[in-house]
């Protein structure tokens, strides 16, 4: 976004200019932009409430729509391709974390918070237990999932290596290419008010 802007000077015009800059100059998708605005709102509220900045806009009224995106998934064969691919060390760390999430039905946020206290022995096997929305959830770990955990025993405080979400997503695209996961999927985007459809590899 050209030029600087202060919290006090951030108004509806500046907000629209920011959204346009993120779309046109940075090439970001609609949901990525919506995520940025979601974090911008509490920042502006903090500037107003804690730092006593006089704002030109009500943060809660900064609107940006989320797009419904069709979920893309890997088949069992494609997941096997990813799990067995020969990769550089830095990509191997991300691949192992991603494949473990697939085996254990975890989100990135779940993976980020995992530690040794989440593992329990029960009925001759090992169980991964977490609290989600104040409810305990247990997942029985299969031998492939346990094998991944064994690779990183005593190497760090977390059960598996975790990088920033954006970094892992970027690496996963490279991992998919190196794993030869190429089946095309349709991507639908809204750009300049028009719906654009294109086929891209998974």
Protein backbone atom coordinates (compact mmCIF):
# COMPACT_ATOMS: atom_id res chain seq x y z
CA UNK A 1 0.00 0.00 0.00
CA UNK A 2 1.73 3.22 -1.10
CA UNK A 3 2.54 5.74 1.58
CA UNK A 4 2.15 5.37 5.31
CA UNK A 5 -1.02 5.31 7.35
CA UNK A 6 -1.60 5.73 11.06
CA UNK A 7 -4.24 4.05 13.17
CA UNK A 8 -5.97 7.41 13.57
CA UNK A 9 -5.91 7.98 9.82
CA UNK A 10 -7.23 4.55 8.89
CA UNK A 11 -10.69 5.23 7.53
CA UNK A 12 -13.06 3.55 5.07
CA UNK A 13 -11.14 4.95 2.08
CA UNK A 14 -7.84 3.64 3.44
CA UNK A 15 -9.48 0.28 4.15
CA UNK A 16 -10.74 -0.04 0.57
CA UNK A 17 -7.31 1.00 -0.71
CA UNK A 18 -5.67 -1.69 1.43
CA UNK A 19 -8.01 -4.39 0.12
CA UNK A 20 -7.36 -3.29 -3.47
CA UNK A 21 -3.58 -3.30 -2.89
CA UNK A 22 -3.64 -6.76 -1.36
CA UNK A 23 -5.61 -8.08 -4.36
CA UNK A 24 -3.91 -6.26 -7.22
CA UNK A 25 -0.33 -5.75 -6.03
CA UNK A 26 0.16 -8.74 -3.74
CA UNK A 27 -2.09 -11.15 -5.61
CA UNK A 28 -3.69 -12.50 -2.43
CA UNK A 29 -6.84 -14.59 -2.47
CA UNK A 30 -10.09 -13.47 -0.90
CA UNK A 31 -9.84 -15.67 2.19
CA UNK A 32 -6.23 -14.65 2.83
CA UNK A 33 -7.34 -11.02 2.74
CA UNK A 34 -10.26 -11.80 5.06
CA UNK A 35 -7.78 -13.37 7.49
CA UNK A 36 -5.67 -10.20 7.45
CA UNK A 37 -8.71 -8.05 8.18
CA UNK A 38 -9.69 -10.40 11.01
CA UNK A 39 -6.36 -9.62 12.70
CA UNK A 40 -6.55 -5.92 11.83
CA UNK A 41 -9.79 -5.42 13.75
CA UNK A 42 -8.43 -6.30 17.23
CA UNK A 43 -5.30 -4.23 16.54
CA UNK A 44 -7.37 -1.14 15.82
CA UNK A 45 -9.55 -1.84 18.86
CA UNK A 46 -6.39 -2.05 20.97
CA UNK A 47 -5.12 1.23 19.54
CA UNK A 48 -8.41 2.88 20.47
CA UNK A 49 -9.03 1.31 23.87
CA UNK A 50 -5.50 0.92 25.28
CA UNK A 51 -3.52 3.58 23.42
CA UNK A 52 -6.38 6.12 23.34
CA UNK A 53 -6.09 6.70 19.59
CA UNK A 54 -9.03 8.49 18.02
CA UNK A 55 -10.08 6.32 15.10
CA UNK A 56 -11.84 7.33 11.92
CA UNK A 57 -13.67 4.02 11.63
CA UNK A 58 -15.35 1.50 13.92
CA UNK A 59 -13.12 -1.63 13.76
CA UNK A 60 -16.04 -4.05 14.02
CA UNK A 61 -17.60 -2.51 10.91
CA UNK A 62 -14.61 -3.27 8.69
CA UNK A 63 -16.21 -5.86 6.48
CA UNK A 64 -14.69 -8.32 4.07
CA UNK A 65 -16.43 -11.46 2.87
CA UNK A 66 -15.11 -14.99 3.17
CA UNK A 67 -15.47 -17.24 0.15
CA UNK A 68 -16.77 -20.77 0.43
CA UNK A 69 -13.95 -22.94 -0.86
CA UNK A 70 -14.37 -26.51 -1.99
CA UNK A 71 -12.14 -28.70 0.15
CA UNK A 72 -9.31 -30.49 -1.60
CA UNK A 73 -8.17 -33.83 -0.23
CA UNK A 74 -5.60 -36.50 -1.01
CA UNK A 75 -6.56 -40.01 -1.94
CA UNK A 76 -4.98 -42.87 0.01
CA UNK A 77 -2.62 -43.49 -2.92
CA UNK A 78 -1.62 -39.81 -3.07
CA UNK A 79 -0.98 -39.73 0.66
CA UNK A 80 1.27 -42.77 0.26
CA UNK A 81 3.15 -40.92 -2.50
CA UNK A 82 3.74 -37.97 -0.18
CA UNK A 83 4.72 -40.18 2.77
CA UNK A 84 7.30 -42.14 0.75
CA UNK A 85 8.80 -39.37 -1.40
CA UNK A 86 12.52 -38.65 -1.17
CA UNK A 87 12.81 -35.03 -0.04
CA UNK A 88 15.44 -32.56 1.24
CA UNK A 89 15.76 -32.45 5.03
CA UNK A 90 13.83 -29.19 5.48
CA UNK A 91 10.91 -30.51 3.44
CA UNK A 92 11.02 -33.87 5.20
CA UNK A 93 10.26 -32.15 8.51
CA UNK A 94 7.18 -30.48 7.06
CA UNK A 95 6.08 -33.62 5.22
CA UNK A 96 6.28 -35.72 8.40
CA UNK A 97 4.23 -33.18 10.34
CA UNK A 98 1.61 -32.99 7.57
CA UNK A 99 1.33 -36.77 7.15
CA UNK A 100 0.99 -37.20 10.92
CA UNK A 101 -1.88 -34.70 10.87
CA UNK A 102 -3.55 -36.81 8.18
CA UNK A 103 -3.08 -40.01 10.18
CA UNK A 104 -4.37 -38.45 13.41
CA UNK A 105 -7.08 -36.12 11.96
CA UNK A 106 -5.40 -32.97 13.27
CA UNK A 107 -5.47 -29.35 12.18
CA UNK A 108 -2.38 -27.16 12.10
CA UNK A 109 -3.42 -25.50 15.36
CA UNK A 110 -3.71 -28.94 16.98
CA UNK A 111 -0.23 -29.91 15.79
CA UNK A 112 1.28 -26.67 17.03
CA UNK A 113 0.16 -27.34 20.59
CA UNK A 114 1.15 -31.02 20.84
CA UNK A 115 3.54 -32.09 23.60
CA UNK A 116 4.49 -35.28 25.41
CA UNK A 117 1.63 -34.80 27.88
CA UNK A 118 -0.84 -35.50 25.08
CA UNK A 119 0.33 -39.12 24.72
CA UNK A 120 -1.06 -41.96 26.82
CA UNK A 121 -0.81 -45.73 26.89
CA UNK A 122 -4.17 -47.51 26.83
CA UNK A 123 -5.18 -51.10 26.16
CA UNK A 124 -1.82 -52.03 24.71
CA UNK A 125 -1.60 -49.05 22.36
CA UNK A 126 -0.92 -45.33 22.43
CA UNK A 127 -3.57 -42.65 22.39
CA UNK A 128 -3.27 -38.98 21.50
CA UNK A 129 -5.56 -36.88 23.69
CA UNK A 130 -6.36 -33.19 23.29
CA UNK A 131 -8.97 -30.77 24.54
CA UNK A 132 -10.97 -29.09 21.78
CA UNK A 133 -13.58 -26.51 22.74
CA UNK A 134 -13.45 -27.78 26.34
CA UNK A 135 -14.12 -31.35 25.23
CA UNK A 136 -11.54 -34.12 25.46
CA UNK A 137 -10.83 -35.89 22.16
CA UNK A 138 -8.79 -39.09 21.90
CA UNK A 139 -7.28 -40.61 18.78
CA UNK A 140 -5.76 -44.10 18.65
CA UNK A 141 -2.42 -43.87 16.88
CA UNK A 142 -1.68 -46.35 14.12
CA UNK A 143 1.79 -47.86 13.59
CA UNK A 144 2.64 -45.38 10.77
CA UNK A 145 1.73 -42.44 13.04
CA UNK A 146 3.81 -43.87 15.90
CA UNK A 147 6.74 -44.39 13.53
CA UNK A 148 6.70 -40.68 12.68
CA UNK A 149 6.69 -39.72 16.36
CA UNK A 150 9.59 -42.09 17.00
CA UNK A 151 11.74 -40.17 14.50
CA UNK A 152 11.62 -37.08 16.70
CA UNK A 153 11.79 -38.59 20.19
CA UNK A 154 13.81 -36.42 22.59
CA UNK A 155 14.67 -33.90 19.89
CA UNK A 156 12.49 -31.00 21.01
CA UNK A 157 9.74 -29.92 23.38
CA UNK A 158 7.00 -30.56 20.82
CA UNK A 159 6.11 -34.00 19.50
CA UNK A 160 6.86 -32.98 15.91
CA UNK A 161 8.66 -30.08 14.22
CA UNK A 162 6.32 -27.16 13.59
CA UNK A 163 6.97 -24.08 11.46
CA UNK A 164 4.79 -21.06 10.86
CA UNK A 165 1.55 -21.97 9.10
CA UNK A 166 2.34 -19.86 6.02
CA UNK A 167 5.79 -21.45 5.71
CA UNK A 168 4.38 -24.96 6.00
CA UNK A 169 1.73 -24.22 3.37
CA UNK A 170 4.39 -22.92 0.99
CA UNK A 171 6.57 -25.98 1.55
CA UNK A 172 3.61 -28.32 1.09
CA UNK A 173 3.15 -27.05 -2.46
CA UNK A 174 6.76 -28.00 -3.22
CA UNK A 175 6.31 -31.35 -1.49
CA UNK A 176 3.25 -32.13 -3.63
CA UNK A 177 5.24 -31.37 -6.80
CA UNK A 178 8.21 -33.49 -5.71
CA UNK A 179 5.83 -36.30 -4.72
CA UNK A 180 4.29 -36.13 -8.23
CA UNK A 181 0.80 -35.43 -6.92
CA UNK A 182 -0.55 -33.87 -10.10
CA UNK A 183 -4.28 -34.60 -10.34
CA UNK A 184 -5.85 -31.24 -11.29
CA UNK A 185 -8.49 -29.52 -9.20
CA UNK A 186 -10.60 -26.48 -10.04
CA UNK A 187 -9.82 -23.27 -8.20
CA UNK A 188 -12.49 -20.56 -8.14
CA UNK A 189 -11.40 -17.03 -7.28
CA UNK A 190 -13.04 -13.62 -7.30
CA UNK A 191 -10.84 -10.98 -8.91
CA UNK A 192 -11.97 -7.44 -9.66
CA UNK A 193 -15.55 -8.55 -9.02
CA UNK A 194 -15.40 -11.37 -11.55
CA UNK A 195 -15.44 -15.09 -10.84
CA UNK A 196 -12.36 -16.77 -12.32
CA UNK A 197 -12.02 -20.55 -12.67
CA UNK A 198 -8.83 -22.42 -13.45
CA UNK A 199 -7.40 -25.90 -13.12
CA UNK A 200 -4.26 -26.32 -11.02
CA UNK A 201 -2.37 -29.37 -9.76
CA UNK A 202 -3.11 -30.39 -6.18
